[in-house]
Amino acid sequence: MLSDVLPKKKWARPLEWSYRELIDGRLYPCKNGFNGEDLPKDLPPSSTVYGHYNHWRKAGTIEKRMNRLHGQGGLD
């Protein structure tokens, strides 16, 4: 489950979007090759996606997960 591997942070408000939707919002521009500020309406706003991604990056979560995947041979 995504919530088990992402850092816990007490946000000012409860999450309106699932972790899956936030990650999809971060990956969508990479897949489709365009600016991340033009996300489709069914994904979270770009400011929300960036805010969560930035928190995960600063907490080292992304690097830890990538190192774990590399150690398991998941990205060979």
PDB file of N, CA and C in Angstrom:
ATOM      1  N   MET A   1       0.845  -1.173   0.000  1.00  0.00           N
ATOM      2  CA  MET A   1       0.000   0.000   0.000  1.00  0.00           C
ATOM      3  C   MET A   1       0.892   1.238   0.000  1.00  0.00           C
ATOM      4  N   LEU A   2       0.548   2.221  -0.805  1.00  0.00           N
ATOM      5  CA  LEU A   2       1.369   3.414  -0.939  1.00  0.00           C
ATOM      6  C   LEU A   2       1.503   4.195   0.360  1.00  0.00           C
ATOM      7  N   SER A   3       0.457   4.263   1.141  1.00  0.00           N
ATOM      8  CA  SER A   3       0.519   5.032   2.384  1.00  0.00           C
ATOM      9  C   SER A   3       1.514   4.440   3.379  1.00  0.00           C
ATOM     10  N   ASP A   4       1.855   3.174   3.206  1.00  0.00           N
ATOM     11  CA  ASP A   4       2.827   2.536   4.108  1.00  0.00           C
ATOM     12  C   ASP A   4       4.257   2.944   3.802  1.00  0.00           C
ATOM     13  N   VAL A   5       4.549   3.336   2.577  1.00  0.00           N
ATOM     14  CA  VAL A   5       5.918   3.660   2.199  1.00  0.00           C
ATOM     15  C   VAL A   5       6.184   5.156   2.101  1.00  0.00           C
ATOM     16  N   LEU A   6       5.168   5.979   2.185  1.00  0.00           N
ATOM     17  CA  LEU A   6       5.350   7.420   2.104  1.00  0.00           C
ATOM     18  C   LEU A   6       5.433   8.013   3.495  1.00  0.00           C
ATOM     19  N   PRO A   7       6.213   9.093   3.659  1.00  0.00           N
ATOM     20  CA  PRO A   7       6.369   9.672   4.996  1.00  0.00           C
ATOM     21  C   PRO A   7       5.071  10.266   5.499  1.00  0.00           C
ATOM     22  N   LYS A   8       4.882  10.168   6.779  1.00  0.00           N
ATOM     23  CA  LYS A   8       3.673  10.711   7.394  1.00  0.00           C
ATOM     24  C   LYS A   8       3.895  12.188   7.697  1.00  0.00           C
ATOM     25  N   LYS A   9       2.955  13.006   7.341  1.00  0.00           N
ATOM     26  CA  LYS A   9       3.021  14.422   7.638  1.00  0.00           C
ATOM     27  C   LYS A   9       1.628  14.886   7.990  1.00  0.00           C
ATOM     28  N   LYS A  10       1.526  15.673   9.019  1.00  0.00           N
ATOM     29  CA  LYS A  10       0.225  16.211   9.392  1.00  0.00           C
ATOM     30  C   LYS A  10      -0.030  17.436   8.529  1.00  0.00           C
ATOM     31  N   TRP A  11      -0.941  17.300   7.604  1.00  0.00           N
ATOM     32  CA  TRP A  11      -1.301  18.408   6.725  1.00  0.00           C
ATOM     33  C   TRP A  11      -2.353  19.274   7.420  1.00  0.00           C
ATOM     34  N   ALA A  12      -2.504  20.472   6.950  1.00  0.00           N
ATOM     35  CA  ALA A  12      -3.477  21.396   7.524  1.00  0.00           C
ATOM     36  C   ALA A  12      -4.902  20.873   7.346  1.00  0.00           C
ATOM     37  N   ARG A  13      -5.122  20.153   6.256  1.00  0.00           N
ATOM     38  CA  ARG A  13      -6.441  19.599   5.969  1.00  0.00           C
ATOM     39  C   ARG A  13      -6.293  18.122   5.617  1.00  0.00           C
ATOM     40  N   PRO A  14      -7.367  17.385   5.737  1.00  0.00           N
ATOM     41  CA  PRO A  14      -7.314  15.981   5.288  1.00  0.00           C
ATOM     42  C   PRO A  14      -7.058  15.918   3.772  1.00  0.00           C
ATOM     43  N   LEU A  15      -6.432  14.845   3.332  1.00  0.00           N
ATOM     44  CA  LEU A  15      -6.152  14.681   1.908  1.00  0.00           C
ATOM     45  C   LEU A  15      -7.447  14.579   1.104  1.00  0.00           C
ATOM     46  N   GLU A  16      -7.517  15.329   0.028  1.00  0.00           N
ATOM     47  CA  GLU A  16      -8.655  15.230  -0.888  1.00  0.00           C
ATOM     48  C   GLU A  16      -8.379  14.222  -1.988  1.00  0.00           C
ATOM     49  N   TRP A  17      -7.092  13.886  -2.182  1.00  0.00           N
ATOM     50  CA  TRP A  17      -6.666  13.005  -3.258  1.00  0.00           C
ATOM     51  C   TRP A  17      -5.949  11.797  -2.663  1.00  0.00           C
ATOM     52  N   SER A  18      -6.062  10.685  -3.332  1.00  0.00           N
ATOM     53  CA  SER A  18      -5.362   9.488  -2.868  1.00  0.00           C
ATOM     54  C   SER A  18      -3.881   9.593  -3.229  1.00  0.00           C
ATOM     55  N   TYR A  19      -3.054   8.800  -2.543  1.00  0.00           N
ATOM     56  CA  TYR A  19      -1.631   8.774  -2.876  1.00  0.00           C
ATOM     57  C   TYR A  19      -1.432   8.319  -4.315  1.00  0.00           C
ATOM     58  N   ARG A  20      -2.248   7.415  -4.772  1.00  0.00           N
ATOM     59  CA  ARG A  20      -2.149   6.938  -6.149  1.00  0.00           C
ATOM     60  C   ARG A  20      -2.384   8.075  -7.138  1.00  0.00           C
ATOM     61  N   GLU A  21      -3.376   8.910  -6.863  1.00  0.00           N
ATOM     62  CA  GLU A  21      -3.662  10.041  -7.754  1.00  0.00           C
ATOM     63  C   GLU A  21      -2.519  11.060  -7.736  1.00  0.00           C
ATOM     64  N   LEU A  22      -1.907  11.260  -6.572  1.00  0.00           N
ATOM     65  CA  LEU A  22      -0.777  12.182  -6.473  1.00  0.00           C
ATOM     66  C   LEU A  22       0.426  11.668  -7.267  1.00  0.00           C
ATOM     67  N   ILE A  23       0.697  10.381  -7.162  1.00  0.00           N
ATOM     68  CA  ILE A  23       1.810   9.800  -7.912  1.00  0.00           C
ATOM     69  C   ILE A  23       1.505   9.808  -9.407  1.00  0.00           C
ATOM     70  N   ASP A  24       0.270   9.479  -9.773  1.00  0.00           N
ATOM     71  CA  ASP A  24      -0.125   9.547 -11.185  1.00  0.00           C
ATOM     72  C   ASP A  24       0.054  10.963 -11.727  1.00  0.00           C
ATOM     73  N   GLY A  25      -0.284  11.956 -10.908  1.00  0.00           N
ATOM     74  CA  GLY A  25      -0.114  13.346 -11.318  1.00  0.00           C
ATOM     75  C   GLY A  25       1.343  13.703 -11.536  1.00  0.00           C
ATOM     76  N   ARG A  26       2.234  13.109 -10.767  1.00  0.00           N
ATOM     77  CA  ARG A  26       3.667  13.365 -10.926  1.00  0.00           C
ATOM     78  C   ARG A  26       4.213  12.649 -12.154  1.00  0.00           C
ATOM     79  N   LEU A  27       3.726  11.460 -12.450  1.00  0.00           N
ATOM     80  CA  LEU A  27       4.238  10.678 -13.572  1.00  0.00           C
ATOM     81  C   LEU A  27       3.615  11.056 -14.913  1.00  0.00           C
ATOM     82  N   TYR A  28       2.428  11.627 -14.906  1.00  0.00           N
ATOM     83  CA  TYR A  28       1.708  11.927 -16.145  1.00  0.00           C
ATOM     84  C   TYR A  28       2.519  12.792 -17.107  1.00  0.00           C
ATOM     85  N   PRO A  29       3.130  13.899 -16.654  1.00  0.00           N
ATOM     86  CA  PRO A  29       3.928  14.708 -17.592  1.00  0.00           C
ATOM     87  C   PRO A  29       5.123  13.953 -18.163  1.00  0.00           C
ATOM     88  N   CYS A  30       5.734  13.074 -17.375  1.00  0.00           N
ATOM     89  CA  CYS A  30       6.869  12.285 -17.866  1.00  0.00           C
ATOM     90  C   CYS A  30       6.428  11.361 -18.992  1.00  0.00           C
ATOM     91  N   LYS A  31       5.283  10.762 -18.823  1.00  0.00           N
ATOM     92  CA  LYS A  31       4.764   9.810 -19.811  1.00  0.00           C
ATOM     93  C   LYS A  31       4.332  10.509 -21.093  1.00  0.00           C
ATOM     94  N   ASN A  32       3.747  11.686 -20.949  1.00  0.00           N
ATOM     95  CA  ASN A  32       3.158  12.365 -22.100  1.00  0.00           C
ATOM     96  C   ASN A  32       3.999  13.524 -22.634  1.00  0.00           C
ATOM     97  N   GLY A  33       5.112  13.822 -21.990  1.00  0.00           N
ATOM     98  CA  GLY A  33       6.054  14.802 -22.503  1.00  0.00           C
ATOM     99  C   GLY A  33       5.539  16.225 -22.585  1.00  0.00           C
ATOM    100  N   PHE A  34       5.010  16.750 -21.517  1.00  0.00           N
ATOM    101  CA  PHE A  34       4.562  18.137 -21.516  1.00  0.00           C
ATOM    102  C   PHE A  34       4.764  18.741 -20.147  1.00  0.00           C
ATOM    103  N   ASN A  35       4.492  20.022 -20.040  1.00  0.00           N
ATOM    104  CA  ASN A  35       4.651  20.753 -18.790  1.00  0.00           C
ATOM    105  C   ASN A  35       3.714  20.189 -17.726  1.00  0.00           C
ATOM    106  N   GLY A  36       4.224  20.012 -16.526  1.00  0.00           N
ATOM    107  CA  GLY A  36       3.447  19.430 -15.438  1.00  0.00           C
ATOM    108  C   GLY A  36       2.325  20.307 -14.933  1.00  0.00           C
ATOM    109  N   GLU A  37       2.272  21.556 -15.368  1.00  0.00           N
ATOM    110  CA  GLU A  37       1.210  22.449 -14.898  1.00  0.00           C
ATOM    111  C   GLU A  37      -0.080  22.278 -15.689  1.00  0.00           C
ATOM    112  N   ASP A  38      -0.066  21.479 -16.734  1.00  0.00           N
ATOM    113  CA  ASP A  38      -1.240  21.279 -17.565  1.00  0.00           C
ATOM    114  C   ASP A  38      -1.828  19.887 -17.374  1.00  0.00           C
ATOM    115  N   LEU A  39      -2.046  19.499 -16.129  1.00  0.00           N
ATOM    116  CA  LEU A  39      -2.578  18.167 -15.842  1.00  0.00           C
ATOM    117  C   LEU A  39      -4.059  18.095 -16.194  1.00  0.00           C
ATOM    118  N   PRO A  40      -4.534  16.915 -16.594  1.00  0.00           N
ATOM    119  CA  PRO A  40      -5.963  16.745 -16.858  1.00  0.00           C
ATOM    120  C   PRO A  40      -6.786  17.006 -15.590  1.00  0.00           C
ATOM    121  N   LYS A  41      -8.026  17.318 -15.772  1.00  0.00           N
ATOM    122  CA  LYS A  41      -8.906  17.680 -14.653  1.00  0.00           C
ATOM    123  C   LYS A  41      -9.184  16.520 -13.698  1.00  0.00           C
ATOM    124  N   ASP A  42      -8.967  15.272 -14.134  1.00  0.00           N
ATOM    125  CA  ASP A  42      -9.224  14.137 -13.239  1.00  0.00           C
ATOM    126  C   ASP A  42      -8.039  13.839 -12.317  1.00  0.00           C
ATOM    127  N   LEU A  43      -6.944  14.596 -12.460  1.00  0.00           N
ATOM    128  CA  LEU A  43      -5.793  14.464 -11.569  1.00  0.00           C
ATOM    129  C   LEU A  43      -5.747  15.678 -10.634  1.00  0.00           C
ATOM    130  N   PRO A  44      -5.012  15.581  -9.527  1.00  0.00           N
ATOM    131  CA  PRO A  44      -4.923  16.712  -8.605  1.00  0.00           C
ATOM    132  C   PRO A  44      -4.299  17.933  -9.276  1.00  0.00           C
ATOM    133  N   PRO A  45      -4.532  19.124  -8.736  1.00  0.00           N
ATOM    134  CA  PRO A  45      -3.882  20.322  -9.272  1.00  0.00           C
ATOM    135  C   PRO A  45      -2.358  20.194  -9.192  1.00  0.00           C
ATOM    136  N   SER A  46      -1.671  20.833 -10.116  1.00  0.00           N
ATOM    137  CA  SER A  46      -0.212  20.713 -10.165  1.00  0.00           C
ATOM    138  C   SER A  46       0.442  21.206  -8.872  1.00  0.00           C
ATOM    139  N   SER A  47      -0.120  22.219  -8.232  1.00  0.00           N
ATOM    140  CA  SER A  47       0.465  22.714  -6.982  1.00  0.00           C
ATOM    141  C   SER A  47       0.363  21.674  -5.873  1.00  0.00           C
ATOM    142  N   THR A  48      -0.714  20.917  -5.854  1.00  0.00           N
ATOM    143  CA  THR A  48      -0.890  19.853  -4.865  1.00  0.00           C
ATOM    144  C   THR A  48       0.097  18.718  -5.126  1.00  0.00           C
ATOM    145  N   VAL A  49       0.198  18.319  -6.387  1.00  0.00           N
ATOM    146  CA  VAL A  49       1.134  17.250  -6.763  1.00  0.00           C
ATOM    147  C   VAL A  49       2.552  17.658  -6.406  1.00  0.00           C
ATOM    148  N   TYR A  50       2.945  18.880  -6.765  1.00  0.00           N
ATOM    149  CA  TYR A  50       4.304  19.334  -6.494  1.00  0.00           C
ATOM    150  C   TYR A  50       4.570  19.423  -4.993  1.00  0.00           C
ATOM    151  N   GLY A  51       3.618  19.913  -4.231  1.00  0.00           N
ATOM    152  CA  GLY A  51       3.800  20.038  -2.787  1.00  0.00           C
ATOM    153  C   GLY A  51       4.077  18.709  -2.119  1.00  0.00           C
ATOM    154  N   HIS A  52       3.317  17.700  -2.469  1.00  0.00           N
ATOM    155  CA  HIS A  52       3.524  16.371  -1.893  1.00  0.00           C
ATOM    156  C   HIS A  52       4.836  15.753  -2.393  1.00  0.00           C
ATOM    157  N   TYR A  53       5.101  15.879  -3.689  1.00  0.00           N
ATOM    158  CA  TYR A  53       6.342  15.338  -4.246  1.00  0.00           C
ATOM    159  C   TYR A  53       7.557  15.992  -3.589  1.00  0.00           C
ATOM    160  N   ASN A  54       7.508  17.299  -3.421  1.00  0.00           N
ATOM    161  CA  ASN A  54       8.618  18.019  -2.809  1.00  0.00           C
ATOM    162  C   ASN A  54       8.850  17.549  -1.371  1.00  0.00           C
ATOM    163  N   HIS A  55       7.772  17.320  -0.642  1.00  0.00           N
ATOM    164  CA  HIS A  55       7.891  16.799   0.730  1.00  0.00           C
ATOM    165  C   HIS A  55       8.540  15.420   0.729  1.00  0.00           C
ATOM    166  N   TRP A  56       8.092  14.540  -0.167  1.00  0.00           N
ATOM    167  CA  TRP A  56       8.664  13.194  -0.249  1.00  0.00           C
ATOM    168  C   TRP A  56      10.135  13.250  -0.634  1.00  0.00           C
ATOM    169  N   ARG A  57      10.487  14.146  -1.563  1.00  0.00           N
ATOM    170  CA  ARG A  57      11.876  14.265  -2.006  1.00  0.00           C
ATOM    171  C   ARG A  57      12.763  14.753  -0.862  1.00  0.00           C
ATOM    172  N   LYS A  58      12.321  15.793  -0.156  1.00  0.00           N
ATOM    173  CA  LYS A  58      13.112  16.340   0.952  1.00  0.00           C
ATOM    174  C   LYS A  58      13.263  15.332   2.093  1.00  0.00           C
ATOM    175  N   ALA A  59      12.266  14.495   2.283  1.00  0.00           N
ATOM    176  CA  ALA A  59      12.314  13.486   3.344  1.00  0.00           C
ATOM    177  C   ALA A  59      13.178  12.291   2.943  1.00  0.00           C
ATOM    178  N   GLY A  60      13.624  12.242   1.676  1.00  0.00           N
ATOM    179  CA  GLY A  60      14.460  11.144   1.201  1.00  0.00           C
ATOM    180  C   GLY A  60      13.681   9.897   0.835  1.00  0.00           C
ATOM    181  N   THR A  61      12.377   9.999   0.801  1.00  0.00           N
ATOM    182  CA  THR A  61      11.524   8.839   0.531  1.00  0.00           C
ATOM    183  C   THR A  61      11.738   8.279  -0.868  1.00  0.00           C
ATOM    184  N   ILE A  62      11.828   9.140  -1.845  1.00  0.00           N
ATOM    185  CA  ILE A  62      11.971   8.676  -3.229  1.00  0.00           C
ATOM    186  C   ILE A  62      13.296   7.935  -3.397  1.00  0.00           C
ATOM    187  N   GLU A  63      14.371   8.501  -2.874  1.00  0.00           N
ATOM    188  CA  GLU A  63      15.680   7.848  -2.976  1.00  0.00           C
ATOM    189  C   GLU A  63      15.681   6.508  -2.245  1.00  0.00           C
ATOM    190  N   LYS A  64      15.069   6.457  -1.069  1.00  0.00           N
ATOM    191  CA  LYS A  64      15.012   5.192  -0.316  1.00  0.00           C
ATOM    192  C   LYS A  64      14.255   4.128  -1.098  1.00  0.00           C
ATOM    193  N   ARG A  65      13.143   4.500  -1.691  1.00  0.00           N
ATOM    194  CA  ARG A  65      12.345   3.531  -2.447  1.00  0.00           C
ATOM    195  C   ARG A  65      13.082   3.055  -3.685  1.00  0.00           C
ATOM    196  N   MET A  66      13.775   3.979  -4.382  1.00  0.00           N
ATOM    197  CA  MET A  66      14.525   3.583  -5.571  1.00  0.00           C
ATOM    198  C   MET A  66      15.679   2.650  -5.192  1.00  0.00           C
ATOM    199  N   ASN A  67      16.371   2.964  -4.097  1.00  0.00           N
ATOM    200  CA  ASN A  67      17.456   2.091  -3.644  1.00  0.00           C
ATOM    201  C   ASN A  67      16.915   0.709  -3.278  1.00  0.00           C
ATOM    202  N   ARG A  68      15.756   0.680  -2.661  1.00  0.00           N
ATOM    203  CA  ARG A  68      15.149  -0.609  -2.306  1.00  0.00           C
ATOM    204  C   ARG A  68      14.793  -1.406  -3.550  1.00  0.00           C
ATOM    205  N   LEU A  69      14.246  -0.731  -4.557  1.00  0.00           N
ATOM    206  CA  LEU A  69      13.914  -1.429  -5.804  1.00  0.00           C
ATOM    207  C   LEU A  69      15.165  -1.942  -6.497  1.00  0.00           C
ATOM    208  N   HIS A  70      16.206  -1.139  -6.513  1.00  0.00           N
ATOM    209  CA  HIS A  70      17.461  -1.575  -7.146  1.00  0.00           C
ATOM    210  C   HIS A  70      18.044  -2.771  -6.400  1.00  0.00           C
ATOM    211  N   GLY A  71      17.964  -2.762  -5.078  1.00  0.00           N
ATOM    212  CA  GLY A  71      18.485  -3.866  -4.280  1.00  0.00           C
ATOM    213  C   GLY A  71      17.735  -5.155  -4.499  1.00  0.00           C
ATOM    214  N   GLN A  72      16.470  -5.049  -4.845  1.00  0.00           N
ATOM    215  CA  GLN A  72      15.648  -6.246  -5.085  1.00  0.00           C
ATOM    216  C   GLN A  72      15.709  -6.675  -6.541  1.00  0.00           C
ATOM    217  N   GLY A  73      16.448  -5.945  -7.351  1.00  0.00           N
ATOM    218  CA  GLY A  73      16.525  -6.290  -8.765  1.00  0.00           C
ATOM    219  C   GLY A  73      15.300  -5.891  -9.538  1.00  0.00           C
ATOM    220  N   GLY A  74      14.497  -4.994  -8.980  1.00  0.00           N
ATOM    221  CA  GLY A  74      13.255  -4.597  -9.634  1.00  0.00           C
ATOM    222  C   GLY A  74      13.422  -3.700 -10.835  1.00  0.00           C
ATOM    223  N   LEU A  75      14.589  -3.069 -10.985  1.00  0.00           N
ATOM    224  CA  LEU A  75      14.787  -2.166 -12.110  1.00  0.00           C
ATOM    225  C   LEU A  75      15.956  -2.581 -12.980  1.00  0.00           C
ATOM    226  N   ASP A  76      16.305  -3.814 -13.004  1.00  0.00           N
ATOM    227  CA  ASP A  76      17.446  -4.273 -13.832  1.00  0.00           C
ATOM    228  C   ASP A  76      17.130  -4.165 -15.290  1.00  0.00           C
TER     229      ASP A  76
END
